[in-house]
Amino acid sequence: MKIGLDVGSTTIKSVVLDDNQKIVFKSYERHYSQITEKMTELLTKIRDEVIGGKDAQLTISGSAGMGISDTCSLPFVQEVYATRIAT
């Protein structure tokens, strides 16, 4: 499974793809500058309600995503490039 998070200046967008590249979850939420809390809440929901015990690859994009990816040693993809490779 694959998880994509776009952490921007005002919102967090997420998508989860199953092993057949089908969207099984997506969300768009304002974070009201509570980025860490909202991201933790969202990833917990994805883990508990969508992923379960399965392995998943997580990639981050967005204006606030670069700092998060550096801090957490997660892959970062620039959002314009991410949109291009997704189509």
C-alpha atoms as a PDB file:
ATOM      1  CA  MET A   1       0.000   0.000   0.000  1.00  0.00           C
ATOM      2  CA  LYS A   2       1.071   3.585  -0.569  1.00  0.00           C
ATOM      3  CA  ILE A   3       0.263   6.665   1.481  1.00  0.00           C
ATOM      4  CA  GLY A   4       0.721  10.162   0.119  1.00  0.00           C
ATOM      5  CA  LEU A   5       0.519  13.245   2.337  1.00  0.00           C
ATOM      6  CA  ASP A   6       0.541  16.789   0.983  1.00  0.00           C
ATOM      7  CA  VAL A   7       1.206  19.040   3.963  1.00  0.00           C
ATOM      8  CA  GLY A   8       0.660  22.630   2.919  1.00  0.00           C
ATOM      9  CA  SER A   9       0.479  25.983   4.632  1.00  0.00           C
ATOM     10  CA  THR A  10      -3.212  25.570   5.527  1.00  0.00           C
ATOM     11  CA  THR A  11      -4.283  21.987   4.728  1.00  0.00           C
ATOM     12  CA  ILE A  12      -3.242  18.350   4.809  1.00  0.00           C
ATOM     13  CA  LYS A  13      -4.370  16.207   1.914  1.00  0.00           C
ATOM     14  CA  SER A  14      -3.931  12.443   1.931  1.00  0.00           C
ATOM     15  CA  VAL A  15      -4.500   9.478  -0.325  1.00  0.00           C
ATOM     16  CA  VAL A  16      -4.000   5.756   0.224  1.00  0.00           C
ATOM     17  CA  LEU A  17      -3.590   3.344  -2.683  1.00  0.00           C
ATOM     18  CA  ASP A  18      -3.959  -0.398  -2.374  1.00  0.00           C
ATOM     19  CA  ASP A  19      -1.613  -2.867  -4.060  1.00  0.00           C
ATOM     20  CA  ASN A  20      -3.645  -2.537  -7.296  1.00  0.00           C
ATOM     21  CA  GLN A  21      -3.149   1.265  -7.280  1.00  0.00           C
ATOM     22  CA  LYS A  22      -6.832   1.857  -6.431  1.00  0.00           C
ATOM     23  CA  ILE A  23      -7.725   4.721  -4.096  1.00  0.00           C
ATOM     24  CA  VAL A  24      -9.030   3.248  -0.842  1.00  0.00           C
ATOM     25  CA  PHE A  25      -8.942   6.440   1.250  1.00  0.00           C
ATOM     26  CA  LYS A  26      -8.582  10.172   0.659  1.00  0.00           C
ATOM     27  CA  SER A  27      -8.997  13.258   2.779  1.00  0.00           C
ATOM     28  CA  TYR A  28      -8.664  17.043   2.680  1.00  0.00           C
ATOM     29  CA  GLU A  29      -8.514  18.858   6.006  1.00  0.00           C
ATOM     30  CA  ARG A  30      -7.460  22.230   7.388  1.00  0.00           C
ATOM     31  CA  HIS A  31      -4.761  21.958  10.039  1.00  0.00           C
ATOM     32  CA  TYR A  32      -5.137  25.459  11.557  1.00  0.00           C
ATOM     33  CA  SER A  33      -1.338  25.566  12.086  1.00  0.00           C
ATOM     34  CA  GLN A  34      -1.538  22.427  14.268  1.00  0.00           C
ATOM     35  CA  ILE A  35       0.435  20.452  11.684  1.00  0.00           C
ATOM     36  CA  THR A  36       2.018  17.831  13.940  1.00  0.00           C
ATOM     37  CA  GLU A  37      -1.201  17.107  15.810  1.00  0.00           C
ATOM     38  CA  LYS A  38      -3.328  16.905  12.656  1.00  0.00           C
ATOM     39  CA  MET A  39      -0.777  14.738  10.848  1.00  0.00           C
ATOM     40  CA  THR A  40      -0.579  12.360  13.827  1.00  0.00           C
ATOM     41  CA  GLU A  41      -4.380  12.175  13.995  1.00  0.00           C
ATOM     42  CA  LEU A  42      -4.655  11.507  10.258  1.00  0.00           C
ATOM     43  CA  LEU A  43      -1.923   8.846  10.146  1.00  0.00           C
ATOM     44  CA  THR A  44      -3.433   7.119  13.187  1.00  0.00           C
ATOM     45  CA  LYS A  45      -6.817   7.035  11.444  1.00  0.00           C
ATOM     46  CA  ILE A  46      -5.227   5.637   8.272  1.00  0.00           C
ATOM     47  CA  ARG A  47      -3.357   2.991  10.271  1.00  0.00           C
ATOM     48  CA  ASP A  48      -6.378   1.938  12.303  1.00  0.00           C
ATOM     49  CA  GLU A  49      -9.122   2.145   9.659  1.00  0.00           C
ATOM     50  CA  VAL A  50      -7.365   1.491   6.345  1.00  0.00           C
ATOM     51  CA  ILE A  51      -3.913  -0.085   6.588  1.00  0.00           C
ATOM     52  CA  GLY A  52      -4.359  -2.338   9.594  1.00  0.00           C
ATOM     53  CA  GLY A  53      -1.285  -4.542   9.953  1.00  0.00           C
ATOM     54  CA  LYS A  54      -0.178  -4.238   6.317  1.00  0.00           C
ATOM     55  CA  ASP A  55       3.094  -2.658   5.218  1.00  0.00           C
ATOM     56  CA  ALA A  56       2.816   0.746   3.563  1.00  0.00           C
ATOM     57  CA  GLN A  57       5.127   3.224   1.868  1.00  0.00           C
ATOM     58  CA  LEU A  58       4.722   6.860   2.981  1.00  0.00           C
ATOM     59  CA  THR A  59       5.763   9.845   0.866  1.00  0.00           C
ATOM     60  CA  ILE A  60       5.279  13.517   1.739  1.00  0.00           C
ATOM     61  CA  SER A  61       4.909  16.653  -0.367  1.00  0.00           C
ATOM     62  CA  GLY A  62       3.850  20.240   0.252  1.00  0.00           C
ATOM     63  CA  SER A  63       5.288  23.462   1.598  1.00  0.00           C
ATOM     64  CA  ALA A  64       5.397  22.171   5.189  1.00  0.00           C
ATOM     65  CA  GLY A  65       6.180  18.626   4.097  1.00  0.00           C
ATOM     66  CA  MET A  66       9.864  19.208   3.379  1.00  0.00           C
ATOM     67  CA  GLY A  67      10.707  19.940   7.002  1.00  0.00           C
ATOM     68  CA  ILE A  68       8.655  16.982   8.178  1.00  0.00           C
ATOM     69  CA  SER A  69      10.336  14.643   5.703  1.00  0.00           C
ATOM     70  CA  ASP A  70      13.787  15.830   6.811  1.00  0.00           C
ATOM     71  CA  THR A  71      12.972  15.472  10.505  1.00  0.00           C
ATOM     72  CA  CYS A  72      11.412  12.014  10.094  1.00  0.00           C
ATOM     73  CA  SER A  73      13.758  10.742   7.331  1.00  0.00           C
ATOM     74  CA  LEU A  74      10.821  10.185   4.963  1.00  0.00           C
ATOM     75  CA  PRO A  75      10.806  10.534   1.167  1.00  0.00           C
ATOM     76  CA  PHE A  76       9.800  13.987  -0.110  1.00  0.00           C
ATOM     77  CA  VAL A  77       8.390  14.698  -3.571  1.00  0.00           C
ATOM     78  CA  GLN A  78       7.823  18.245  -4.828  1.00  0.00           C
ATOM     79  CA  GLU A  79       4.059  18.571  -5.393  1.00  0.00           C
ATOM     80  CA  VAL A  80       4.189  19.681  -9.052  1.00  0.00           C
ATOM     81  CA  TYR A  81       6.379  16.677  -9.853  1.00  0.00           C
ATOM     82  CA  ALA A  82       4.134  14.390  -7.770  1.00  0.00           C
ATOM     83  CA  THR A  83       1.115  15.492  -9.811  1.00  0.00           C
ATOM     84  CA  ARG A  84       2.978  14.835 -13.046  1.00  0.00           C
ATOM     85  CA  ILE A  85       4.133  11.311 -12.166  1.00  0.00           C
ATOM     86  CA  ALA A  86       0.693  10.381 -10.782  1.00  0.00           C
ATOM     87  CA  THR A  87      -1.060  10.923 -14.121  1.00  0.00           C
END
